[in-house]
Amino acid sequence: MKLSREGKRFFLTTFLIGFAALNTGNNLIYLIFSLMLSLTVLSFSVLILNLFRLNLKVSAEQPAFAKKPFNIFLTLKNDKRIPSYSIWVRTTLQDGRVYFPEVRGNSYEEKAMTVTCGRRGVYGYSDFYLESSFPFLFLLKWVIKNVKGEVYVYPEIKDVRDFSLELFSISQDMALSKRYKGEDFSFVREFRYGDDWRKIHWKSSAKLSKIMVKDSLSQETKKITLIVDNLEPQDDEIFEKAISFTASLACKFIDEEYFVRLVTGSSVISFGSGKDHLFRVLDELTILKKQKTWGQNSFVEQEGFTILVSGSYNSSISNILSISDSVIYVENI
């Protein structure tokens, strides 16, 4: 708790009036002095009561991306019978406050706060501050609410149309070369994560007692493998640029209904498509860190069109170059 600018002026005036009352012995001045002291006690008591039994809940209902504003939703609940007035909610994630003019007794109010995070990562909600100077603006008091939970801030998504158009052309040429000349027949296979539910072959599914989908040779060759170079040493800024570029390619290819696989030095996310698969890829890229060696489990067979995204030509990932159809060095972008 601290004095506001108005509070400092009020207490200075109270002190001067009290000093004058002692010197003059004037009953009227004593009356004014006692009234001002009463206002001070009332301001302190009401302010304490105003912030009493307030609880805060925080949620993020939409995907969050680095350097792009997103909303977090604040639910302020008042667990006492009397209302609370003029509450400001402030977060440590970013400068800025949200104002709640009134929260009725045994009720709650919900408001959105716009937040922008400069980098990808997992951000804990951590501490929020409930502030108020009600009722007379003389005193400012705040209480700290530690809110549990976290929000995934995905890598920045950039415009990669200039790169993806060329990559689309190369991958389509490879797909055509792998197809049987003059043939484009369909077949039935077992359902895989990311497959379109509309392509389920119900008769085969009922006969085999498992979900089967229709597919074709052209779809089998419509696969993209994205390999991210996360080996040390790398400049932090270039590494973040590589993560952002990979995330952007994943969004673009999945939007074009490609089956995308993500390979890093520590993990492999198998082929899939659709929004659910995209968020699996983004989740992995959000928490990806640099490491010293390339894990043995991350060596994969070449399948479909393979793109290696690396920070610079000085990378130590040379053993992956042989299975890559295209190599992109982000330091030149």
C-alpha atoms as a PDB file:
ATOM      1  CA  MET A   1       0.000   0.000   0.000  1.00  0.00           C
ATOM      2  CA  LYS A   2       1.205   3.494  -0.807  1.00  0.00           C
ATOM      3  CA  LEU A   3      -0.004   7.061  -0.936  1.00  0.00           C
ATOM      4  CA  SER A   4      -1.272   8.413  -4.234  1.00  0.00           C
ATOM      5  CA  ARG A   5      -0.536  11.945  -5.391  1.00  0.00           C
ATOM      6  CA  GLU A   6      -3.946  13.050  -4.136  1.00  0.00           C
ATOM      7  CA  GLY A   7      -3.329  11.216  -0.864  1.00  0.00           C
ATOM      8  CA  LYS A   8      -0.053  13.050  -0.267  1.00  0.00           C
ATOM      9  CA  ARG A   9      -1.797  16.378  -0.736  1.00  0.00           C
ATOM     10  CA  PHE A  10      -4.668  15.349   1.535  1.00  0.00           C
ATOM     11  CA  PHE A  11      -2.399  14.147   4.355  1.00  0.00           C
ATOM     12  CA  LEU A  12      -0.270  17.293   4.098  1.00  0.00           C
ATOM     13  CA  THR A  13      -3.426  19.393   4.384  1.00  0.00           C
ATOM     14  CA  THR A  14      -4.603  17.272   7.336  1.00  0.00           C
ATOM     15  CA  PHE A  15      -1.268  17.772   9.097  1.00  0.00           C
ATOM     16  CA  LEU A  16      -1.396  21.540   8.588  1.00  0.00           C
ATOM     17  CA  ILE A  17      -4.993  21.779   9.834  1.00  0.00           C
ATOM     18  CA  GLY A  18      -4.099  19.638  12.872  1.00  0.00           C
ATOM     19  CA  PHE A  19      -1.134  21.897  13.621  1.00  0.00           C
ATOM     20  CA  ALA A  20      -3.345  24.977  13.294  1.00  0.00           C
ATOM     21  CA  ALA A  21      -5.943  23.425  15.623  1.00  0.00           C
ATOM     22  CA  LEU A  22      -3.309  22.814  18.304  1.00  0.00           C
ATOM     23  CA  ASN A  23      -1.993  26.377  18.047  1.00  0.00           C
ATOM     24  CA  THR A  24      -5.335  28.185  18.022  1.00  0.00           C
ATOM     25  CA  GLY A  25      -7.544  25.893  20.069  1.00  0.00           C
ATOM     26  CA  ASN A  26     -10.412  26.738  17.720  1.00  0.00           C
ATOM     27  CA  ASN A  27     -13.209  24.177  18.009  1.00  0.00           C
ATOM     28  CA  LEU A  28     -14.233  24.607  14.369  1.00  0.00           C
ATOM     29  CA  ILE A  29     -10.722  23.777  13.187  1.00  0.00           C
ATOM     30  CA  TYR A  30     -10.699  20.757  15.515  1.00  0.00           C
ATOM     31  CA  LEU A  31     -13.975  19.648  13.958  1.00  0.00           C
ATOM     32  CA  ILE A  32     -12.517  19.916  10.449  1.00  0.00           C
ATOM     33  CA  PHE A  33      -9.387  18.063  11.590  1.00  0.00           C
ATOM     34  CA  SER A  34     -11.421  15.212  13.099  1.00  0.00           C
ATOM     35  CA  LEU A  35     -13.496  14.958   9.925  1.00  0.00           C
ATOM     36  CA  MET A  36     -10.352  14.588   7.822  1.00  0.00           C
ATOM     37  CA  LEU A  37      -8.985  11.919  10.165  1.00  0.00           C
ATOM     38  CA  SER A  38     -12.295  10.068   9.867  1.00  0.00           C
ATOM     39  CA  LEU A  39     -12.011  10.171   6.069  1.00  0.00           C
ATOM     40  CA  THR A  40      -8.496   8.726   6.369  1.00  0.00           C
ATOM     41  CA  VAL A  41      -9.663   5.800   8.519  1.00  0.00           C
ATOM     42  CA  LEU A  42     -12.680   5.246   6.279  1.00  0.00           C
ATOM     43  CA  SER A  43     -10.519   5.270   3.141  1.00  0.00           C
ATOM     44  CA  PHE A  44      -8.148   2.674   4.638  1.00  0.00           C
ATOM     45  CA  SER A  45     -10.946   0.385   5.899  1.00  0.00           C
ATOM     46  CA  VAL A  46     -13.015   0.452   2.704  1.00  0.00           C
ATOM     47  CA  LEU A  47      -9.930  -0.154   0.562  1.00  0.00           C
ATOM     48  CA  ILE A  48      -9.011  -3.265   2.590  1.00  0.00           C
ATOM     49  CA  LEU A  49     -12.574  -4.560   2.354  1.00  0.00           C
ATOM     50  CA  ASN A  50     -12.790  -3.768  -1.376  1.00  0.00           C
ATOM     51  CA  LEU A  51      -9.934  -6.160  -2.229  1.00  0.00           C
ATOM     52  CA  PHE A  52     -10.987  -8.845   0.234  1.00  0.00           C
ATOM     53  CA  ARG A  53     -12.013 -12.298  -1.099  1.00  0.00           C
ATOM     54  CA  LEU A  54     -11.358 -11.580  -4.768  1.00  0.00           C
ATOM     55  CA  ASN A  55     -10.160 -14.506  -6.900  1.00  0.00           C
ATOM     56  CA  LEU A  56      -8.743 -14.457 -10.404  1.00  0.00           C
ATOM     57  CA  LYS A  57      -8.874 -17.104 -13.132  1.00  0.00           C
ATOM     58  CA  VAL A  58      -6.929 -16.784 -16.398  1.00  0.00           C
ATOM     59  CA  SER A  59      -7.403 -18.686 -19.662  1.00  0.00           C
ATOM     60  CA  ALA A  60      -6.286 -18.444 -23.280  1.00  0.00           C
ATOM     61  CA  GLU A  61      -8.825 -19.823 -25.733  1.00  0.00           C
ATOM     62  CA  GLN A  62      -7.003 -19.146 -28.991  1.00  0.00           C
ATOM     63  CA  PRO A  63      -3.573 -20.118 -30.392  1.00  0.00           C
ATOM     64  CA  ALA A  64      -0.867 -17.637 -29.455  1.00  0.00           C
ATOM     65  CA  PHE A  65       1.987 -16.767 -31.798  1.00  0.00           C
ATOM     66  CA  ALA A  66       5.142 -14.777 -31.122  1.00  0.00           C
ATOM     67  CA  LYS A  67       5.071 -11.077 -32.073  1.00  0.00           C
ATOM     68  CA  LYS A  68       1.335 -11.274 -32.734  1.00  0.00           C
ATOM     69  CA  PRO A  69      -1.247  -9.881 -30.270  1.00  0.00           C
ATOM     70  CA  PHE A  70      -3.514 -12.448 -28.641  1.00  0.00           C
ATOM     71  CA  ASN A  71      -6.135 -12.342 -25.918  1.00  0.00           C
ATOM     72  CA  ILE A  72      -6.064 -13.880 -22.485  1.00  0.00           C
ATOM     73  CA  PHE A  73      -9.354 -13.895 -20.613  1.00  0.00           C
ATOM     74  CA  LEU A  74      -9.498 -12.707 -17.008  1.00  0.00           C
ATOM     75  CA  THR A  75     -12.351 -13.872 -14.791  1.00  0.00           C
ATOM     76  CA  LEU A  76     -12.528 -11.854 -11.564  1.00  0.00           C
ATOM     77  CA  LYS A  77     -14.761 -13.482  -8.950  1.00  0.00           C
ATOM     78  CA  ASN A  78     -16.066 -11.742  -5.842  1.00  0.00           C
ATOM     79  CA  ASP A  79     -16.746 -14.265  -3.046  1.00  0.00           C
ATOM     80  CA  LYS A  80     -18.165 -11.777  -0.539  1.00  0.00           C
ATOM     81  CA  ARG A  81     -21.713 -10.463  -0.309  1.00  0.00           C
ATOM     82  CA  ILE A  82     -20.968  -6.794  -0.949  1.00  0.00           C
ATOM     83  CA  PRO A  83     -19.690  -5.549  -4.329  1.00  0.00           C
ATOM     84  CA  SER A  84     -16.159  -4.433  -5.139  1.00  0.00           C
ATOM     85  CA  TYR A  85     -15.484  -1.314  -7.166  1.00  0.00           C
ATOM     86  CA  SER A  86     -12.761   0.124  -9.376  1.00  0.00           C
ATOM     87  CA  ILE A  87     -10.387  -2.855  -9.669  1.00  0.00           C
ATOM     88  CA  TRP A  88      -7.379  -2.825 -11.969  1.00  0.00           C
ATOM     89  CA  VAL A  89      -5.764  -6.149 -13.010  1.00  0.00           C
ATOM     90  CA  ARG A  90      -2.131  -6.044 -14.078  1.00  0.00           C
ATOM     91  CA  THR A  91       0.092  -8.881 -15.327  1.00  0.00           C
ATOM     92  CA  THR A  92       3.828  -9.456 -15.356  1.00  0.00           C
ATOM     93  CA  LEU A  93       3.649 -10.749 -18.950  1.00  0.00           C
ATOM     94  CA  GLN A  94       3.341  -7.265 -20.388  1.00  0.00           C
ATOM     95  CA  ASP A  95       2.725  -3.671 -19.437  1.00  0.00           C
ATOM     96  CA  GLY A  96      -0.916  -2.701 -19.399  1.00  0.00           C
ATOM     97  CA  ARG A  97      -3.968  -3.098 -17.191  1.00  0.00           C
ATOM     98  CA  VAL A  98      -7.597  -4.158 -17.434  1.00  0.00           C
ATOM     99  CA  TYR A  99     -10.244  -2.209 -15.538  1.00  0.00           C
ATOM    100  CA  PHE A 100     -13.231  -3.726 -13.738  1.00  0.00           C
ATOM    101  CA  PRO A 101     -15.559  -0.881 -12.662  1.00  0.00           C
ATOM    102  CA  GLU A 102     -17.735  -3.182 -10.522  1.00  0.00           C
ATOM    103  CA  VAL A 103     -17.870  -6.821  -9.479  1.00  0.00           C
ATOM    104  CA  ARG A 104     -21.112  -7.597  -7.701  1.00  0.00           C
ATOM    105  CA  GLY A 105     -21.269  -9.685  -4.553  1.00  0.00           C
ATOM    106  CA  ASN A 106     -21.131 -13.474  -5.080  1.00  0.00           C
ATOM    107  CA  SER A 107     -20.675 -12.885  -8.802  1.00  0.00           C
ATOM    108  CA  TYR A 108     -17.934 -12.565 -11.399  1.00  0.00           C
ATOM    109  CA  GLU A 109     -16.924 -10.450 -14.385  1.00  0.00           C
ATOM    110  CA  GLU A 110     -14.884 -11.505 -17.408  1.00  0.00           C
ATOM    111  CA  LYS A 111     -12.719  -9.312 -19.624  1.00  0.00           C
ATOM    112  CA  ALA A 112     -10.047  -9.848 -22.272  1.00  0.00           C
ATOM    113  CA  MET A 113      -6.493  -8.580 -22.030  1.00  0.00           C
ATOM    114  CA  THR A 114      -4.407  -8.210 -25.188  1.00  0.00           C
ATOM    115  CA  VAL A 115      -0.863  -9.547 -24.789  1.00  0.00           C
ATOM    116  CA  THR A 116       2.087  -9.726 -27.187  1.00  0.00           C
ATOM    117  CA  CYS A 117       5.069 -12.016 -26.517  1.00  0.00           C
ATOM    118  CA  GLY A 118       8.291 -11.331 -28.372  1.00  0.00           C
ATOM    119  CA  ARG A 119       9.559 -14.923 -28.446  1.00  0.00           C
ATOM    120  CA  ARG A 120       8.209 -18.456 -28.643  1.00  0.00           C
ATOM    121  CA  GLY A 121       8.069 -20.532 -25.477  1.00  0.00           C
ATOM    122  CA  VAL A 122       5.909 -21.738 -22.621  1.00  0.00           C
ATOM    123  CA  TYR A 123       4.840 -18.781 -20.487  1.00  0.00           C
ATOM    124  CA  GLY A 124       3.504 -19.376 -17.000  1.00  0.00           C
ATOM    125  CA  TYR A 125       0.728 -17.039 -15.930  1.00  0.00           C
ATOM    126  CA  SER A 126       2.634 -16.406 -12.706  1.00  0.00           C
ATOM    127  CA  ASP A 127       1.706 -13.326 -10.660  1.00  0.00           C
ATOM    128  CA  PHE A 128      -1.184 -10.982 -11.342  1.00  0.00           C
ATOM    129  CA  TYR A 129      -1.795  -7.803  -9.372  1.00  0.00           C
ATOM    130  CA  LEU A 130      -5.219  -6.603  -8.248  1.00  0.00           C
ATOM    131  CA  GLU A 131      -5.018  -2.855  -7.611  1.00  0.00           C
ATOM    132  CA  SER A 132      -7.512  -0.344  -6.288  1.00  0.00           C
ATOM    133  CA  SER A 133      -7.611   3.161  -4.817  1.00  0.00           C
ATOM    134  CA  PHE A 134     -11.330   3.103  -4.014  1.00  0.00           C
ATOM    135  CA  PRO A 135     -13.085   5.083  -2.562  1.00  0.00           C
ATOM    136  CA  PHE A 136     -11.213   8.447  -2.291  1.00  0.00           C
ATOM    137  CA  LEU A 137      -8.032   7.857  -4.341  1.00  0.00           C
ATOM    138  CA  PHE A 138      -5.927   8.692  -1.267  1.00  0.00           C
ATOM    139  CA  LEU A 139      -4.348   5.244  -0.958  1.00  0.00           C
ATOM    140  CA  LEU A 140      -3.301   2.689  -3.562  1.00  0.00           C
ATOM    141  CA  LYS A 141      -3.320  -0.942  -2.488  1.00  0.00           C
ATOM    142  CA  TRP A 142      -2.584  -4.107  -4.416  1.00  0.00           C
ATOM    143  CA  VAL A 143      -2.738  -7.825  -3.717  1.00  0.00           C
ATOM    144  CA  ILE A 144      -0.762 -10.490  -5.591  1.00  0.00           C
ATOM    145  CA  LYS A 145      -2.626 -13.458  -7.054  1.00  0.00           C
ATOM    146  CA  ASN A 146      -0.463 -16.366  -8.148  1.00  0.00           C
ATOM    147  CA  VAL A 147      -2.372 -17.921 -11.050  1.00  0.00           C
ATOM    148  CA  LYS A 148      -1.497 -21.482 -12.022  1.00  0.00           C
ATOM    149  CA  GLY A 149      -1.363 -22.477 -15.660  1.00  0.00           C
ATOM    150  CA  GLU A 150       0.615 -21.689 -18.777  1.00  0.00           C
ATOM    151  CA  VAL A 151       0.204 -20.670 -22.371  1.00  0.00           C
ATOM    152  CA  TYR A 152       2.137 -22.011 -25.370  1.00  0.00           C
ATOM    153  CA  VAL A 153       3.361 -19.152 -27.540  1.00  0.00           C
ATOM    154  CA  TYR A 154       4.059 -20.681 -30.943  1.00  0.00           C
ATOM    155  CA  PRO A 155       6.885 -19.495 -33.241  1.00  0.00           C
ATOM    156  CA  GLU A 156       6.290 -16.445 -35.387  1.00  0.00           C
ATOM    157  CA  ILE A 157       4.547 -17.340 -38.651  1.00  0.00           C
ATOM    158  CA  LYS A 158       5.966 -15.559 -41.681  1.00  0.00           C
ATOM    159  CA  ASP A 159       4.986 -15.290 -45.330  1.00  0.00           C
ATOM    160  CA  VAL A 160       6.848 -18.103 -47.135  1.00  0.00           C
ATOM    161  CA  ARG A 161       4.943 -18.048 -50.418  1.00  0.00           C
ATOM    162  CA  ASP A 162       8.059 -17.198 -52.436  1.00  0.00           C
ATOM    163  CA  PHE A 163       9.844 -20.273 -51.054  1.00  0.00           C
ATOM    164  CA  SER A 164       6.875 -22.627 -50.919  1.00  0.00           C
ATOM    165  CA  LEU A 165       5.916 -22.084 -54.565  1.00  0.00           C
ATOM    166  CA  GLU A 166       9.311 -23.359 -55.677  1.00  0.00           C
ATOM    167  CA  LEU A 167       9.215 -26.227 -53.177  1.00  0.00           C
ATOM    168  CA  PHE A 168       5.674 -27.160 -54.253  1.00  0.00           C
ATOM    169  CA  SER A 169       6.839 -27.337 -57.864  1.00  0.00           C
ATOM    170  CA  ILE A 170       9.803 -29.570 -57.032  1.00  0.00           C
ATOM    171  CA  SER A 171       7.757 -31.888 -54.804  1.00  0.00           C
ATOM    172  CA  GLN A 172       5.016 -32.216 -57.435  1.00  0.00           C
ATOM    173  CA  ASP A 173       7.596 -33.142 -60.076  1.00  0.00           C
ATOM    174  CA  MET A 174       8.951 -35.813 -57.746  1.00  0.00           C
ATOM    175  CA  ALA A 175       5.434 -37.098 -57.080  1.00  0.00           C
ATOM    176  CA  LEU A 176       4.700 -37.384 -60.796  1.00  0.00           C
ATOM    177  CA  SER A 177       7.923 -39.241 -61.437  1.00  0.00           C
ATOM    178  CA  LYS A 178       6.995 -41.828 -58.780  1.00  0.00           C
ATOM    179  CA  ARG A 179       3.540 -42.555 -60.171  1.00  0.00           C
ATOM    180  CA  TYR A 180       2.813 -45.276 -62.680  1.00  0.00           C
ATOM    181  CA  LYS A 181       2.489 -43.777 -66.111  1.00  0.00           C
ATOM    182  CA  GLY A 182      -1.179 -43.400 -67.085  1.00  0.00           C
ATOM    183  CA  GLU A 183      -2.416 -44.825 -63.777  1.00  0.00           C
ATOM    184  CA  ASP A 184      -4.024 -43.091 -60.788  1.00  0.00           C
ATOM    185  CA  PHE A 185      -5.936 -45.865 -59.032  1.00  0.00           C
ATOM    186  CA  SER A 186      -7.301 -45.874 -55.506  1.00  0.00           C
ATOM    187  CA  PHE A 187      -6.835 -48.427 -52.743  1.00  0.00           C
ATOM    188  CA  VAL A 188      -7.936 -48.905 -49.128  1.00  0.00           C
ATOM    189  CA  ARG A 189      -5.563 -48.683 -46.184  1.00  0.00           C
ATOM    190  CA  GLU A 190      -5.798 -48.400 -42.392  1.00  0.00           C
ATOM    191  CA  PHE A 191      -6.645 -44.999 -40.896  1.00  0.00           C
ATOM    192  CA  ARG A 192      -3.658 -42.845 -39.853  1.00  0.00           C
ATOM    193  CA  TYR A 193      -3.532 -39.821 -37.572  1.00  0.00           C
ATOM    194  CA  GLY A 194      -4.428 -36.707 -39.560  1.00  0.00           C
ATOM    195  CA  ASP A 195      -6.452 -38.493 -42.267  1.00  0.00           C
ATOM    196  CA  ASP A 196      -9.671 -36.915 -43.484  1.00  0.00           C
ATOM    197  CA  TRP A 197     -12.667 -38.616 -41.833  1.00  0.00           C
ATOM    198  CA  ARG A 198     -14.693 -38.024 -44.993  1.00  0.00           C
ATOM    199  CA  LYS A 199     -12.510 -40.582 -46.810  1.00  0.00           C
ATOM    200  CA  ILE A 200     -13.459 -43.482 -44.517  1.00  0.00           C
ATOM    201  CA  HIS A 201     -14.425 -46.620 -46.439  1.00  0.00           C
ATOM    202  CA  TRP A 202     -17.287 -47.870 -44.296  1.00  0.00           C
ATOM    203  CA  LYS A 203     -17.775 -51.246 -45.964  1.00  0.00           C
ATOM    204  CA  SER A 204     -14.136 -52.249 -45.502  1.00  0.00           C
ATOM    205  CA  SER A 205     -14.122 -50.820 -41.963  1.00  0.00           C
ATOM    206  CA  ALA A 206     -17.109 -52.987 -41.000  1.00  0.00           C
ATOM    207  CA  LYS A 207     -15.614 -56.094 -42.602  1.00  0.00           C
ATOM    208  CA  LEU A 208     -12.166 -55.714 -40.992  1.00  0.00           C
ATOM    209  CA  SER A 209     -13.417 -54.255 -37.657  1.00  0.00           C
ATOM    210  CA  LYS A 210     -11.043 -51.303 -37.907  1.00  0.00           C
ATOM    211  CA  ILE A 211     -11.170 -47.909 -39.554  1.00  0.00           C
ATOM    212  CA  MET A 212     -10.092 -47.976 -43.206  1.00  0.00           C
ATOM    213  CA  VAL A 213      -9.752 -45.028 -45.597  1.00  0.00           C
ATOM    214  CA  LYS A 214      -9.555 -44.623 -49.366  1.00  0.00           C
ATOM    215  CA  ASP A 215      -6.217 -43.506 -50.717  1.00  0.00           C
ATOM    216  CA  SER A 216      -4.359 -43.205 -54.022  1.00  0.00           C
ATOM    217  CA  LEU A 217      -0.827 -43.355 -55.292  1.00  0.00           C
ATOM    218  CA  SER A 218      -0.781 -39.611 -55.798  1.00  0.00           C
ATOM    219  CA  GLN A 219      -1.668 -39.079 -52.132  1.00  0.00           C
ATOM    220  CA  GLU A 220       1.025 -41.506 -51.007  1.00  0.00           C
ATOM    221  CA  THR A 221       3.676 -39.380 -52.710  1.00  0.00           C
ATOM    222  CA  LYS A 222       2.310 -36.111 -51.308  1.00  0.00           C
ATOM    223  CA  LYS A 223       4.573 -36.163 -48.272  1.00  0.00           C
ATOM    224  CA  ILE A 224       6.933 -33.556 -46.843  1.00  0.00           C
ATOM    225  CA  THR A 225       9.636 -34.152 -44.235  1.00  0.00           C
ATOM    226  CA  LEU A 226      10.865 -31.020 -42.424  1.00  0.00           C
ATOM    227  CA  ILE A 227      14.225 -31.435 -40.677  1.00  0.00           C
ATOM    228  CA  VAL A 228      15.278 -28.730 -38.224  1.00  0.00           C
ATOM    229  CA  ASP A 229      18.948 -28.258 -37.472  1.00  0.00           C
ATOM    230  CA  ASN A 230      19.137 -27.680 -33.709  1.00  0.00           C
ATOM    231  CA  LEU A 231      22.760 -28.689 -33.167  1.00  0.00           C
ATOM    232  CA  GLU A 232      25.141 -26.420 -31.304  1.00  0.00           C
ATOM    233  CA  PRO A 233      26.808 -24.031 -31.822  1.00  0.00           C
ATOM    234  CA  GLN A 234      24.284 -21.611 -33.328  1.00  0.00           C
ATOM    235  CA  ASP A 235      23.571 -17.958 -32.897  1.00  0.00           C
ATOM    236  CA  ASP A 236      20.358 -17.566 -30.865  1.00  0.00           C
ATOM    237  CA  GLU A 237      18.785 -15.127 -33.297  1.00  0.00           C
ATOM    238  CA  ILE A 238      19.499 -17.335 -36.334  1.00  0.00           C
ATOM    239  CA  PHE A 239      18.216 -20.407 -34.481  1.00  0.00           C
ATOM    240  CA  GLU A 240      14.945 -18.652 -33.670  1.00  0.00           C
ATOM    241  CA  LYS A 241      14.705 -17.608 -37.306  1.00  0.00           C
ATOM    242  CA  ALA A 242      15.099 -21.252 -38.389  1.00  0.00           C
ATOM    243  CA  ILE A 243      12.358 -22.351 -35.969  1.00  0.00           C
ATOM    244  CA  SER A 244      10.026 -19.638 -37.262  1.00  0.00           C
ATOM    245  CA  PHE A 245      10.733 -20.533 -40.896  1.00  0.00           C
ATOM    246  CA  THR A 246      10.066 -24.243 -40.235  1.00  0.00           C
ATOM    247  CA  ALA A 247       6.781 -23.452 -38.493  1.00  0.00           C
ATOM    248  CA  SER A 248       5.757 -21.265 -41.415  1.00  0.00           C
ATOM    249  CA  LEU A 249       6.520 -24.043 -43.921  1.00  0.00           C
ATOM    250  CA  ALA A 250       4.559 -26.550 -41.825  1.00  0.00           C
ATOM    251  CA  CYS A 251       1.527 -24.243 -41.794  1.00  0.00           C
ATOM    252  CA  LYS A 252       1.729 -23.712 -45.545  1.00  0.00           C
ATOM    253  CA  PHE A 253       2.180 -27.366 -46.492  1.00  0.00           C
ATOM    254  CA  ILE A 254      -0.529 -28.650 -44.159  1.00  0.00           C
ATOM    255  CA  ASP A 255      -2.857 -25.977 -45.497  1.00  0.00           C
ATOM    256  CA  GLU A 256      -2.160 -27.438 -48.949  1.00  0.00           C
ATOM    257  CA  GLU A 257      -3.202 -30.891 -47.613  1.00  0.00           C
ATOM    258  CA  TYR A 258       0.290 -32.376 -47.589  1.00  0.00           C
ATOM    259  CA  PHE A 259       1.293 -35.038 -45.082  1.00  0.00           C
ATOM    260  CA  VAL A 260       4.047 -33.456 -42.994  1.00  0.00           C
ATOM    261  CA  ARG A 261       6.681 -35.110 -40.807  1.00  0.00           C
ATOM    262  CA  LEU A 262       8.907 -33.130 -38.412  1.00  0.00           C
ATOM    263  CA  VAL A 263      12.409 -34.345 -37.528  1.00  0.00           C
ATOM    264  CA  THR A 264      14.638 -32.695 -34.900  1.00  0.00           C
ATOM    265  CA  GLY A 265      17.765 -33.784 -33.096  1.00  0.00           C
ATOM    266  CA  SER A 266      15.710 -35.205 -30.240  1.00  0.00           C
ATOM    267  CA  SER A 267      12.383 -36.353 -31.681  1.00  0.00           C
ATOM    268  CA  VAL A 268      10.356 -37.364 -34.721  1.00  0.00           C
ATOM    269  CA  ILE A 269       6.708 -36.486 -35.302  1.00  0.00           C
ATOM    270  CA  SER A 270       5.394 -38.928 -37.869  1.00  0.00           C
ATOM    271  CA  PHE A 271       3.451 -38.027 -41.005  1.00  0.00           C
ATOM    272  CA  GLY A 272       0.046 -36.436 -40.554  1.00  0.00           C
ATOM    273  CA  SER A 273      -2.180 -33.655 -41.803  1.00  0.00           C
ATOM    274  CA  GLY A 274      -4.951 -31.402 -40.569  1.00  0.00           C
ATOM    275  CA  LYS A 275      -5.108 -28.837 -37.787  1.00  0.00           C
ATOM    276  CA  ASP A 276      -4.546 -31.306 -34.951  1.00  0.00           C
ATOM    277  CA  HIS A 277      -1.327 -32.488 -36.540  1.00  0.00           C
ATOM    278  CA  LEU A 278      -0.236 -28.900 -37.196  1.00  0.00           C
ATOM    279  CA  PHE A 279      -0.538 -28.066 -33.503  1.00  0.00           C
ATOM    280  CA  ARG A 280       1.485 -31.175 -32.620  1.00  0.00           C
ATOM    281  CA  VAL A 281       4.248 -29.850 -34.873  1.00  0.00           C
ATOM    282  CA  LEU A 282       3.973 -26.336 -33.424  1.00  0.00           C
ATOM    283  CA  ASP A 283       4.026 -27.709 -29.865  1.00  0.00           C
ATOM    284  CA  GLU A 284       7.323 -29.447 -30.594  1.00  0.00           C
ATOM    285  CA  LEU A 285       8.836 -26.367 -32.241  1.00  0.00           C
ATOM    286  CA  THR A 286       7.726 -24.199 -29.306  1.00  0.00           C
ATOM    287  CA  ILE A 287       9.809 -26.144 -26.781  1.00  0.00           C
ATOM    288  CA  LEU A 288      12.693 -27.106 -29.096  1.00  0.00           C
ATOM    289  CA  LYS A 289      16.152 -26.266 -27.740  1.00  0.00           C
ATOM    290  CA  LYS A 290      19.671 -26.535 -29.071  1.00  0.00           C
ATOM    291  CA  GLN A 291      21.605 -29.704 -28.279  1.00  0.00           C
ATOM    292  CA  LYS A 292      25.134 -31.034 -28.675  1.00  0.00           C
ATOM    293  CA  THR A 293      24.522 -34.296 -30.558  1.00  0.00           C
ATOM    294  CA  TRP A 294      21.942 -35.648 -32.986  1.00  0.00           C
ATOM    295  CA  GLY A 295      19.898 -38.395 -31.319  1.00  0.00           C
ATOM    296  CA  GLN A 296      20.038 -41.886 -32.813  1.00  0.00           C
ATOM    297  CA  ASN A 297      16.235 -42.097 -32.800  1.00  0.00           C
ATOM    298  CA  SER A 298      16.047 -39.054 -35.054  1.00  0.00           C
ATOM    299  CA  PHE A 299      17.687 -40.716 -38.063  1.00  0.00           C
ATOM    300  CA  VAL A 300      14.844 -41.502 -40.451  1.00  0.00           C
ATOM    301  CA  GLU A 301      14.497 -43.030 -43.874  1.00  0.00           C
ATOM    302  CA  GLN A 302      13.850 -40.685 -46.745  1.00  0.00           C
ATOM    303  CA  GLU A 303      10.187 -40.656 -47.679  1.00  0.00           C
ATOM    304  CA  GLY A 304       8.494 -38.078 -49.857  1.00  0.00           C
ATOM    305  CA  PHE A 305      10.160 -34.677 -50.285  1.00  0.00           C
ATOM    306  CA  THR A 306      12.728 -33.784 -47.589  1.00  0.00           C
ATOM    307  CA  ILE A 307      13.593 -30.199 -46.611  1.00  0.00           C
ATOM    308  CA  LEU A 308      16.449 -29.375 -44.237  1.00  0.00           C
ATOM    309  CA  VAL A 309      16.236 -25.995 -42.484  1.00  0.00           C
ATOM    310  CA  SER A 310      19.584 -24.929 -41.039  1.00  0.00           C
ATOM    311  CA  GLY A 311      20.987 -21.764 -39.559  1.00  0.00           C
ATOM    312  CA  SER A 312      24.147 -21.448 -41.615  1.00  0.00           C
ATOM    313  CA  TYR A 313      26.630 -23.247 -43.866  1.00  0.00           C
ATOM    314  CA  ASN A 314      28.841 -23.923 -40.840  1.00  0.00           C
ATOM    315  CA  SER A 315      26.368 -26.387 -39.334  1.00  0.00           C
ATOM    316  CA  SER A 316      27.634 -29.768 -38.114  1.00  0.00           C
ATOM    317  CA  ILE A 317      24.591 -31.571 -39.502  1.00  0.00           C
ATOM    318  CA  SER A 318      26.386 -32.632 -42.701  1.00  0.00           C
ATOM    319  CA  ASN A 319      25.339 -36.289 -42.300  1.00  0.00           C
ATOM    320  CA  ILE A 320      21.715 -35.294 -42.935  1.00  0.00           C
ATOM    321  CA  LEU A 321      22.500 -33.433 -46.159  1.00  0.00           C
ATOM    322  CA  SER A 322      22.638 -36.650 -48.183  1.00  0.00           C
ATOM    323  CA  ILE A 323      18.950 -37.458 -47.598  1.00  0.00           C
ATOM    324  CA  SER A 324      17.702 -33.888 -48.146  1.00  0.00           C
ATOM    325  CA  ASP A 325      16.094 -32.878 -51.427  1.00  0.00           C
ATOM    326  CA  SER A 326      16.333 -29.176 -50.516  1.00  0.00           C
ATOM    327  CA  VAL A 327      18.476 -27.284 -47.990  1.00  0.00           C
ATOM    328  CA  ILE A 328      17.510 -23.824 -46.751  1.00  0.00           C
ATOM    329  CA  TYR A 329      20.016 -21.676 -44.831  1.00  0.00           C
ATOM    330  CA  VAL A 330      18.026 -19.027 -42.999  1.00  0.00           C
ATOM    331  CA  GLU A 331      20.992 -16.702 -42.452  1.00  0.00           C
ATOM    332  CA  ASN A 332      20.690 -15.801 -46.151  1.00  0.00           C
ATOM    333  CA  ILE A 333      16.948 -15.027 -45.967  1.00  0.00           C
END
